[in-house]
Amino acid sequence: MASAASPSPSPLWLNAAAADALLPGSGGGDVIAALALDEALLEEAHEGVRGEAVVRTWMATAPVVVVGSSSRVEEEVDIAGCAAAGVPILRRPSGGATVILGPGCVMWSVVTPHPAGVPAVERIHAAMLDPLVAALQSAGLPVSRQGTSDLVLAVAESGATSLMKVSGNALRVRRQGVLYHGTLLDGFDLTLAARLLKHPPREPDYRGKRSHAAFLVNLELGRERLVGLLRQAFGAVDSLGEIPRERVARLIEERYGDRAWTHRL
């Protein structure tokens, strides 16, 4: 494996409005298109189509449950509850446990080409999360890494400090490219997790079997400021001019828009 984890040249920025314009009819809240775009960008990185990393954010316009690539839907999701609430269930290309997205949950993605081969997984986590932690700390937030790929906020409660989760992240690795993406809870309706998700089958030690309600918290920075901090963290200045629309359309048809693919496990 390669020893370097930092992308070169400088990452490109794909803002949500540009993605909306370049994906006619999908909109930034179309989570199916957003997941397909992440994988399409990873395909390009793996194939050497683009030499720069791509950094982007987006937000779902309505609640949606997204299971990990190897998650078993019935094990992690209240399927009946989702049906009653009209909340769709989708599957993403990366691993990890199930999440629920929606307004107030900022999604972020970094797709990095590694033509000489990808670094070790822990080096990837560090290369992605450490700059983000530093950026959030610069805004005065006591944020740190916990577990494999979580970000937590130190919250004072009754004379003690609790580590509350504000970000969960996952990755998909190909031989010459990495997709790293995750959540940033900012003004999200946290009750949705308790209503629609089961307790995860696997959890980090620091969670201590806490319920969703006792484990999650919002950053409350505002979307614009969060996006600015993320862009600062990765030094994404220049804008990406094109997105792989044909790849996105193919992936929607083959995977992300296919209910059978989502519910295969």
C-alpha atoms as a PDB file:
ATOM      1  CA  MET A   1       0.000   0.000   0.000  1.00  0.00           C
ATOM      2  CA  ALA A   2       1.039   3.570  -0.541  1.00  0.00           C
ATOM      3  CA  SER A   3       2.384   5.557   2.380  1.00  0.00           C
ATOM      4  CA  ALA A   4       0.916   8.959   1.516  1.00  0.00           C
ATOM      5  CA  ALA A   5      -2.669   9.888   2.305  1.00  0.00           C
ATOM      6  CA  SER A   6      -2.789  13.564   1.280  1.00  0.00           C
ATOM      7  CA  PRO A   7      -4.292  14.341  -2.099  1.00  0.00           C
ATOM      8  CA  SER A   8      -2.299  16.306  -4.672  1.00  0.00           C
ATOM      9  CA  PRO A   9      -3.008  18.624  -6.428  1.00  0.00           C
ATOM     10  CA  SER A  10      -5.430  20.726  -4.377  1.00  0.00           C
ATOM     11  CA  PRO A  11      -8.961  19.341  -3.970  1.00  0.00           C
ATOM     12  CA  LEU A  12     -11.816  20.668  -6.078  1.00  0.00           C
ATOM     13  CA  TRP A  13     -15.060  21.934  -4.577  1.00  0.00           C
ATOM     14  CA  LEU A  14     -18.492  20.863  -5.789  1.00  0.00           C
ATOM     15  CA  ASN A  15     -21.166  22.974  -4.151  1.00  0.00           C
ATOM     16  CA  ALA A  16     -24.712  21.772  -3.707  1.00  0.00           C
ATOM     17  CA  ALA A  17     -26.216  24.338  -6.078  1.00  0.00           C
ATOM     18  CA  ALA A  18     -23.869  23.286  -8.874  1.00  0.00           C
ATOM     19  CA  ALA A  19     -24.746  19.628  -8.366  1.00  0.00           C
ATOM     20  CA  ASP A  20     -28.449  20.491  -8.513  1.00  0.00           C
ATOM     21  CA  ALA A  21     -27.979  22.350 -11.785  1.00  0.00           C
ATOM     22  CA  LEU A  22     -25.929  19.575 -13.339  1.00  0.00           C
ATOM     23  CA  LEU A  23     -28.365  16.830 -12.339  1.00  0.00           C
ATOM     24  CA  PRO A  24     -31.619  18.092 -13.869  1.00  0.00           C
ATOM     25  CA  GLY A  25     -34.678  16.858 -12.075  1.00  0.00           C
ATOM     26  CA  SER A  26     -32.796  15.316  -9.161  1.00  0.00           C
ATOM     27  CA  GLY A  27     -32.309  18.262  -6.820  1.00  0.00           C
ATOM     28  CA  GLY A  28     -30.038  18.409  -3.801  1.00  0.00           C
ATOM     29  CA  GLY A  29     -32.598  16.535  -1.729  1.00  0.00           C
ATOM     30  CA  ASP A  30     -32.624  13.543  -4.026  1.00  0.00           C
ATOM     31  CA  VAL A  31     -30.639  11.141  -1.892  1.00  0.00           C
ATOM     32  CA  ILE A  32     -30.677   8.482  -4.589  1.00  0.00           C
ATOM     33  CA  ALA A  33     -28.841  10.832  -6.952  1.00  0.00           C
ATOM     34  CA  ALA A  34     -26.512  11.977  -4.172  1.00  0.00           C
ATOM     35  CA  LEU A  35     -25.440   8.424  -3.350  1.00  0.00           C
ATOM     36  CA  ALA A  36     -24.988   7.632  -7.027  1.00  0.00           C
ATOM     37  CA  LEU A  37     -22.877  10.767  -7.478  1.00  0.00           C
ATOM     38  CA  ASP A  38     -20.563   9.716  -4.652  1.00  0.00           C
ATOM     39  CA  GLU A  39     -19.944   6.360  -6.301  1.00  0.00           C
ATOM     40  CA  ALA A  40     -19.628   7.907  -9.768  1.00  0.00           C
ATOM     41  CA  LEU A  41     -16.897  10.225  -8.483  1.00  0.00           C
ATOM     42  CA  LEU A  42     -15.186   7.219  -6.877  1.00  0.00           C
ATOM     43  CA  GLU A  43     -15.267   5.373 -10.201  1.00  0.00           C
ATOM     44  CA  GLU A  44     -13.563   8.345 -11.844  1.00  0.00           C
ATOM     45  CA  ALA A  45     -10.904   8.484  -9.123  1.00  0.00           C
ATOM     46  CA  HIS A  46     -10.227   4.752  -9.401  1.00  0.00           C
ATOM     47  CA  GLU A  47      -9.981   4.927 -13.194  1.00  0.00           C
ATOM     48  CA  GLY A  48      -7.657   7.934 -13.168  1.00  0.00           C
ATOM     49  CA  VAL A  49     -10.141  10.210 -14.934  1.00  0.00           C
ATOM     50  CA  ARG A  50      -9.421  13.066 -12.528  1.00  0.00           C
ATOM     51  CA  GLY A  51      -6.228  13.725 -10.584  1.00  0.00           C
ATOM     52  CA  GLU A  52      -7.754  15.944  -7.901  1.00  0.00           C
ATOM     53  CA  ALA A  53      -9.800  15.032  -4.874  1.00  0.00           C
ATOM     54  CA  VAL A  54     -13.394  16.278  -4.920  1.00  0.00           C
ATOM     55  CA  VAL A  55     -15.027  17.740  -1.801  1.00  0.00           C
ATOM     56  CA  ARG A  56     -18.743  18.388  -1.549  1.00  0.00           C
ATOM     57  CA  THR A  57     -21.683  18.769   0.822  1.00  0.00           C
ATOM     58  CA  TRP A  58     -25.403  18.243   0.430  1.00  0.00           C
ATOM     59  CA  MET A  59     -28.548  17.914   2.504  1.00  0.00           C
ATOM     60  CA  ALA A  60     -31.652  15.778   2.136  1.00  0.00           C
ATOM     61  CA  THR A  61     -34.841  17.838   1.934  1.00  0.00           C
ATOM     62  CA  ALA A  62     -36.904  15.212   3.770  1.00  0.00           C
ATOM     63  CA  PRO A  63     -36.084  12.330   6.136  1.00  0.00           C
ATOM     64  CA  VAL A  64     -34.608   9.196   4.580  1.00  0.00           C
ATOM     65  CA  VAL A  65     -33.001   6.115   6.134  1.00  0.00           C
ATOM     66  CA  VAL A  66     -29.714   4.967   4.591  1.00  0.00           C
ATOM     67  CA  VAL A  67     -28.302   1.547   5.472  1.00  0.00           C
ATOM     68  CA  GLY A  68     -24.655   0.553   5.096  1.00  0.00           C
ATOM     69  CA  SER A  69     -23.452  -1.594   2.223  1.00  0.00           C
ATOM     70  CA  SER A  70     -23.510  -4.758   4.359  1.00  0.00           C
ATOM     71  CA  SER A  71     -26.325  -3.822   6.748  1.00  0.00           C
ATOM     72  CA  ARG A  72     -29.339  -6.075   7.153  1.00  0.00           C
ATOM     73  CA  VAL A  73     -32.378  -3.852   6.825  1.00  0.00           C
ATOM     74  CA  GLU A  74     -34.624  -5.782   9.221  1.00  0.00           C
ATOM     75  CA  GLU A  75     -31.889  -5.845  11.865  1.00  0.00           C
ATOM     76  CA  GLU A  76     -31.253  -2.093  11.911  1.00  0.00           C
ATOM     77  CA  VAL A  77     -34.435  -0.380  10.691  1.00  0.00           C
ATOM     78  CA  ASP A  78     -38.024  -0.164  11.922  1.00  0.00           C
ATOM     79  CA  ILE A  79     -39.438  -0.982   8.495  1.00  0.00           C
ATOM     80  CA  ALA A  80     -43.073  -0.617   9.565  1.00  0.00           C
ATOM     81  CA  GLY A  81     -42.324   2.707  11.226  1.00  0.00           C
ATOM     82  CA  CYS A  82     -40.647   4.001   8.078  1.00  0.00           C
ATOM     83  CA  ALA A  83     -43.594   2.893   5.961  1.00  0.00           C
ATOM     84  CA  ALA A  84     -46.080   4.586   8.290  1.00  0.00           C
ATOM     85  CA  ALA A  85     -44.056   7.808   8.280  1.00  0.00           C
ATOM     86  CA  GLY A  86     -43.465   7.723   4.529  1.00  0.00           C
ATOM     87  CA  VAL A  87     -39.698   7.609   5.015  1.00  0.00           C
ATOM     88  CA  PRO A  88     -37.828   5.783   2.223  1.00  0.00           C
ATOM     89  CA  ILE A  89     -35.027   3.306   2.874  1.00  0.00           C
ATOM     90  CA  LEU A  90     -31.912   3.390   0.682  1.00  0.00           C
ATOM     91  CA  ARG A  91     -28.503   1.709   0.675  1.00  0.00           C
ATOM     92  CA  ARG A  92     -25.133   3.452   0.317  1.00  0.00           C
ATOM     93  CA  PRO A  93     -21.858   2.174  -1.186  1.00  0.00           C
ATOM     94  CA  SER A  94     -19.874   2.405   2.063  1.00  0.00           C
ATOM     95  CA  GLY A  95     -19.884   0.283   5.195  1.00  0.00           C
ATOM     96  CA  GLY A  96     -20.995   1.114   8.711  1.00  0.00           C
ATOM     97  CA  ALA A  97     -24.347   1.141  10.437  1.00  0.00           C
ATOM     98  CA  THR A  98     -27.648   2.683   9.395  1.00  0.00           C
ATOM     99  CA  VAL A  99     -28.231   6.439   9.594  1.00  0.00           C
ATOM    100  CA  ILE A 100     -31.194   8.726   9.090  1.00  0.00           C
ATOM    101  CA  LEU A 101     -30.767  11.923   7.097  1.00  0.00           C
ATOM    102  CA  GLY A 102     -32.910  14.989   6.565  1.00  0.00           C
ATOM    103  CA  PRO A 103     -33.043  18.755   7.006  1.00  0.00           C
ATOM    104  CA  GLY A 104     -30.455  19.896   9.533  1.00  0.00           C
ATOM    105  CA  CYS A 105     -28.068  17.007   8.797  1.00  0.00           C
ATOM    106  CA  VAL A 106     -25.216  18.220   6.593  1.00  0.00           C
ATOM    107  CA  MET A 107     -23.725  15.466   4.462  1.00  0.00           C
ATOM    108  CA  TRP A 108     -20.103  15.671   3.370  1.00  0.00           C
ATOM    109  CA  SER A 109     -18.046  13.648   0.914  1.00  0.00           C
ATOM    110  CA  VAL A 110     -14.394  13.568  -0.106  1.00  0.00           C
ATOM    111  CA  VAL A 111     -13.377  11.402  -3.061  1.00  0.00           C
ATOM    112  CA  THR A 112      -9.613  11.012  -3.389  1.00  0.00           C
ATOM    113  CA  PRO A 113      -7.597   9.393  -6.191  1.00  0.00           C
ATOM    114  CA  HIS A 114      -4.615   7.281  -5.118  1.00  0.00           C
ATOM    115  CA  PRO A 115      -2.875   6.242  -8.361  1.00  0.00           C
ATOM    116  CA  ALA A 116      -0.033   4.564  -6.454  1.00  0.00           C
ATOM    117  CA  GLY A 117      -2.425   2.600  -4.249  1.00  0.00           C
ATOM    118  CA  VAL A 118      -4.482   3.542  -1.214  1.00  0.00           C
ATOM    119  CA  PRO A 119      -3.036   4.037   2.294  1.00  0.00           C
ATOM    120  CA  ALA A 120      -3.896   1.875   5.284  1.00  0.00           C
ATOM    121  CA  VAL A 121      -7.456   2.399   6.497  1.00  0.00           C
ATOM    122  CA  GLU A 122      -6.458   4.091   9.766  1.00  0.00           C
ATOM    123  CA  ARG A 123      -4.354   6.582   7.808  1.00  0.00           C
ATOM    124  CA  ILE A 124      -7.382   7.343   5.665  1.00  0.00           C
ATOM    125  CA  HIS A 125      -9.525   7.975   8.758  1.00  0.00           C
ATOM    126  CA  ALA A 126      -6.856  10.306  10.149  1.00  0.00           C
ATOM    127  CA  ALA A 127      -6.384  12.167   6.858  1.00  0.00           C
ATOM    128  CA  MET A 128     -10.113  12.832   6.620  1.00  0.00           C
ATOM    129  CA  LEU A 129     -11.173  13.370  10.232  1.00  0.00           C
ATOM    130  CA  ASP A 130      -8.218  15.186  11.792  1.00  0.00           C
ATOM    131  CA  PRO A 131      -8.529  18.280   9.541  1.00  0.00           C
ATOM    132  CA  LEU A 132     -12.275  18.367  10.143  1.00  0.00           C
ATOM    133  CA  VAL A 133     -11.802  18.148  13.912  1.00  0.00           C
ATOM    134  CA  ALA A 134      -9.282  20.995  13.765  1.00  0.00           C
ATOM    135  CA  ALA A 135     -11.683  23.153  11.747  1.00  0.00           C
ATOM    136  CA  LEU A 136     -14.554  22.531  14.177  1.00  0.00           C
ATOM    137  CA  GLN A 137     -12.298  23.239  17.141  1.00  0.00           C
ATOM    138  CA  SER A 138     -11.324  26.551  15.520  1.00  0.00           C
ATOM    139  CA  ALA A 139     -15.016  27.473  15.788  1.00  0.00           C
ATOM    140  CA  GLY A 140     -14.830  26.923  19.550  1.00  0.00           C
ATOM    141  CA  LEU A 141     -16.412  23.478  19.644  1.00  0.00           C
ATOM    142  CA  PRO A 142     -14.882  20.793  21.924  1.00  0.00           C
ATOM    143  CA  VAL A 143     -14.985  18.133  19.204  1.00  0.00           C
ATOM    144  CA  SER A 144     -12.795  15.018  19.114  1.00  0.00           C
ATOM    145  CA  ARG A 145     -12.551  11.629  17.411  1.00  0.00           C
ATOM    146  CA  GLN A 146     -13.952   8.540  19.083  1.00  0.00           C
ATOM    147  CA  GLY A 147     -14.496   4.965  17.999  1.00  0.00           C
ATOM    148  CA  THR A 148     -13.466   4.067  14.483  1.00  0.00           C
ATOM    149  CA  SER A 149     -14.756   7.126  12.651  1.00  0.00           C
ATOM    150  CA  ASP A 150     -17.089   9.135  14.888  1.00  0.00           C
ATOM    151  CA  LEU A 151     -16.811  12.769  15.911  1.00  0.00           C
ATOM    152  CA  VAL A 152     -18.157  13.688  19.333  1.00  0.00           C
ATOM    153  CA  LEU A 153     -18.918  16.851  21.262  1.00  0.00           C
ATOM    154  CA  ALA A 154     -18.006  17.092  24.943  1.00  0.00           C
ATOM    155  CA  VAL A 155     -21.231  18.143  26.682  1.00  0.00           C
ATOM    156  CA  ALA A 156     -21.337  19.115  30.368  1.00  0.00           C
ATOM    157  CA  GLU A 157     -24.245  17.504  32.191  1.00  0.00           C
ATOM    158  CA  SER A 158     -24.889  17.521  35.947  1.00  0.00           C
ATOM    159  CA  GLY A 159     -21.250  18.152  36.777  1.00  0.00           C
ATOM    160  CA  ALA A 160     -19.994  15.459  34.407  1.00  0.00           C
ATOM    161  CA  THR A 161     -18.930  15.498  30.771  1.00  0.00           C
ATOM    162  CA  SER A 162     -20.617  13.244  28.244  1.00  0.00           C
ATOM    163  CA  LEU A 163     -19.292  12.495  24.780  1.00  0.00           C
ATOM    164  CA  MET A 164     -22.213  12.979  22.404  1.00  0.00           C
ATOM    165  CA  LYS A 165     -22.045  11.945  18.767  1.00  0.00           C
ATOM    166  CA  VAL A 166     -22.286  14.688  16.138  1.00  0.00           C
ATOM    167  CA  SER A 167     -20.839  12.880  13.131  1.00  0.00           C
ATOM    168  CA  GLY A 168     -20.689   9.328  11.822  1.00  0.00           C
ATOM    169  CA  ASN A 169     -18.517   8.520   8.828  1.00  0.00           C
ATOM    170  CA  ALA A 170     -17.802   5.645   6.481  1.00  0.00           C
ATOM    171  CA  LEU A 171     -15.615   4.806   3.522  1.00  0.00           C
ATOM    172  CA  ARG A 172     -15.410   2.709   0.423  1.00  0.00           C
ATOM    173  CA  VAL A 173     -11.966   1.774  -0.821  1.00  0.00           C
ATOM    174  CA  ARG A 174     -11.034   0.776  -4.340  1.00  0.00           C
ATOM    175  CA  ARG A 175      -7.519  -0.016  -5.505  1.00  0.00           C
ATOM    176  CA  GLN A 176      -6.812   3.519  -6.701  1.00  0.00           C
ATOM    177  CA  GLY A 177      -9.442   5.650  -5.025  1.00  0.00           C
ATOM    178  CA  VAL A 178     -11.263   6.275  -1.759  1.00  0.00           C
ATOM    179  CA  LEU A 179     -14.743   7.601  -1.027  1.00  0.00           C
ATOM    180  CA  TYR A 180     -15.052   9.035   2.475  1.00  0.00           C
ATOM    181  CA  HIS A 181     -18.389  10.469   3.513  1.00  0.00           C
ATOM    182  CA  GLY A 182     -20.515  11.106   6.541  1.00  0.00           C
ATOM    183  CA  THR A 183     -22.939  13.183   8.561  1.00  0.00           C
ATOM    184  CA  LEU A 184     -22.691  16.408  10.540  1.00  0.00           C
ATOM    185  CA  LEU A 185     -25.688  16.834  12.840  1.00  0.00           C
ATOM    186  CA  ASP A 186     -26.428  20.537  13.081  1.00  0.00           C
ATOM    187  CA  GLY A 187     -30.140  21.283  13.452  1.00  0.00           C
ATOM    188  CA  PHE A 188     -31.534  17.800  12.878  1.00  0.00           C
ATOM    189  CA  ASP A 189     -34.691  16.327  14.421  1.00  0.00           C
ATOM    190  CA  LEU A 190     -32.927  13.811  16.642  1.00  0.00           C
ATOM    191  CA  THR A 191     -36.179  12.112  17.650  1.00  0.00           C
ATOM    192  CA  LEU A 192     -36.302  10.527  14.191  1.00  0.00           C
ATOM    193  CA  ALA A 193     -33.460   8.171  15.075  1.00  0.00           C
ATOM    194  CA  ALA A 194     -35.315   6.826  18.109  1.00  0.00           C
ATOM    195  CA  ARG A 195     -38.533   6.457  16.110  1.00  0.00           C
ATOM    196  CA  LEU A 196     -37.181   4.792  12.970  1.00  0.00           C
ATOM    197  CA  LEU A 197     -33.880   3.070  13.812  1.00  0.00           C
ATOM    198  CA  LYS A 198     -33.296   0.072  16.026  1.00  0.00           C
ATOM    199  CA  HIS A 199     -30.387  -0.027  18.443  1.00  0.00           C
ATOM    200  CA  PRO A 200     -27.357  -0.857  16.266  1.00  0.00           C
ATOM    201  CA  PRO A 201     -26.051  -4.427  16.336  1.00  0.00           C
ATOM    202  CA  ARG A 202     -22.533  -3.050  16.791  1.00  0.00           C
ATOM    203  CA  GLU A 203     -21.518   0.024  18.762  1.00  0.00           C
ATOM    204  CA  PRO A 204     -18.283   1.715  19.892  1.00  0.00           C
ATOM    205  CA  ASP A 205     -17.280   1.285  23.518  1.00  0.00           C
ATOM    206  CA  TYR A 206     -17.775   4.965  24.317  1.00  0.00           C
ATOM    207  CA  ARG A 207     -21.496   4.719  23.505  1.00  0.00           C
ATOM    208  CA  GLY A 208     -22.027   2.546  26.562  1.00  0.00           C
ATOM    209  CA  LYS A 209     -25.355   1.157  25.298  1.00  0.00           C
ATOM    210  CA  ARG A 210     -26.918   4.629  25.393  1.00  0.00           C
ATOM    211  CA  SER A 211     -30.148   5.118  23.471  1.00  0.00           C
ATOM    212  CA  HIS A 212     -30.196   7.261  20.341  1.00  0.00           C
ATOM    213  CA  ALA A 213     -31.760  10.100  22.364  1.00  0.00           C
ATOM    214  CA  ALA A 214     -28.995  10.005  24.972  1.00  0.00           C
ATOM    215  CA  PHE A 215     -26.207   9.600  22.428  1.00  0.00           C
ATOM    216  CA  LEU A 216     -26.792  12.172  19.666  1.00  0.00           C
ATOM    217  CA  VAL A 217     -26.519  15.968  19.739  1.00  0.00           C
ATOM    218  CA  ASN A 218     -26.543  18.841  17.245  1.00  0.00           C
ATOM    219  CA  LEU A 219     -23.623  21.190  16.603  1.00  0.00           C
ATOM    220  CA  GLU A 220     -25.962  24.168  16.045  1.00  0.00           C
ATOM    221  CA  LEU A 221     -23.519  26.135  13.904  1.00  0.00           C
ATOM    222  CA  GLY A 222     -25.755  26.616  10.878  1.00  0.00           C
ATOM    223  CA  ARG A 223     -25.337  25.021   7.482  1.00  0.00           C
ATOM    224  CA  GLU A 224     -23.448  27.890   5.845  1.00  0.00           C
ATOM    225  CA  ARG A 225     -20.832  28.046   8.583  1.00  0.00           C
ATOM    226  CA  LEU A 226     -20.428  24.269   8.688  1.00  0.00           C
ATOM    227  CA  VAL A 227     -19.912  24.106   4.945  1.00  0.00           C
ATOM    228  CA  GLY A 228     -17.326  26.876   5.172  1.00  0.00           C
ATOM    229  CA  LEU A 229     -15.433  25.021   7.891  1.00  0.00           C
ATOM    230  CA  LEU A 230     -15.441  21.811   5.880  1.00  0.00           C
ATOM    231  CA  ARG A 231     -14.172  23.584   2.798  1.00  0.00           C
ATOM    232  CA  GLN A 232     -11.473  25.187   4.949  1.00  0.00           C
ATOM    233  CA  ALA A 233     -10.509  21.829   6.443  1.00  0.00           C
ATOM    234  CA  PHE A 234      -9.675  20.329   3.059  1.00  0.00           C
ATOM    235  CA  GLY A 235      -8.412  23.429   1.282  1.00  0.00           C
ATOM    236  CA  ALA A 236     -10.950  23.080  -1.514  1.00  0.00           C
ATOM    237  CA  VAL A 237     -10.770  26.388  -3.403  1.00  0.00           C
ATOM    238  CA  ASP A 238     -11.276  25.814  -7.120  1.00  0.00           C
ATOM    239  CA  SER A 239     -14.653  24.546  -8.301  1.00  0.00           C
ATOM    240  CA  LEU A 240     -15.356  21.303 -10.126  1.00  0.00           C
ATOM    241  CA  GLY A 241     -16.833  22.158 -13.511  1.00  0.00           C
ATOM    242  CA  GLU A 242     -18.332  18.853 -14.575  1.00  0.00           C
ATOM    243  CA  ILE A 243     -19.916  15.885 -12.915  1.00  0.00           C
ATOM    244  CA  PRO A 244     -20.262  12.391 -14.423  1.00  0.00           C
ATOM    245  CA  ARG A 245     -23.947  12.568 -15.287  1.00  0.00           C
ATOM    246  CA  GLU A 246     -23.976   9.409 -17.409  1.00  0.00           C
ATOM    247  CA  ARG A 247     -22.336   7.409 -14.633  1.00  0.00           C
ATOM    248  CA  VAL A 248     -24.846   8.788 -12.139  1.00  0.00           C
ATOM    249  CA  ALA A 249     -27.768   7.794 -14.361  1.00  0.00           C
ATOM    250  CA  ARG A 250     -26.358   4.283 -14.803  1.00  0.00           C
ATOM    251  CA  LEU A 251     -25.790   3.811 -11.070  1.00  0.00           C
ATOM    252  CA  ILE A 252     -29.299   5.022 -10.252  1.00  0.00           C
ATOM    253  CA  GLU A 253     -30.727   2.461 -12.654  1.00  0.00           C
ATOM    254  CA  GLU A 254     -28.457  -0.402 -11.596  1.00  0.00           C
ATOM    255  CA  ARG A 255     -28.361   0.184  -7.844  1.00  0.00           C
ATOM    256  CA  TYR A 256     -29.598   3.204  -5.965  1.00  0.00           C
ATOM    257  CA  GLY A 257     -33.016   3.441  -7.581  1.00  0.00           C
ATOM    258  CA  ASP A 258     -33.561  -0.332  -7.416  1.00  0.00           C
ATOM    259  CA  ARG A 259     -35.574  -1.432  -4.381  1.00  0.00           C
ATOM    260  CA  ALA A 260     -34.399  -5.031  -4.789  1.00  0.00           C
ATOM    261  CA  TRP A 261     -30.766  -3.894  -4.558  1.00  0.00           C
ATOM    262  CA  THR A 262     -31.501  -1.884  -1.420  1.00  0.00           C
ATOM    263  CA  HIS A 263     -33.310  -4.778   0.275  1.00  0.00           C
ATOM    264  CA  ARG A 264     -30.958  -7.531  -0.851  1.00  0.00           C
ATOM    265  CA  LEU A 265     -29.843  -8.017   2.769  1.00  0.00           C
END
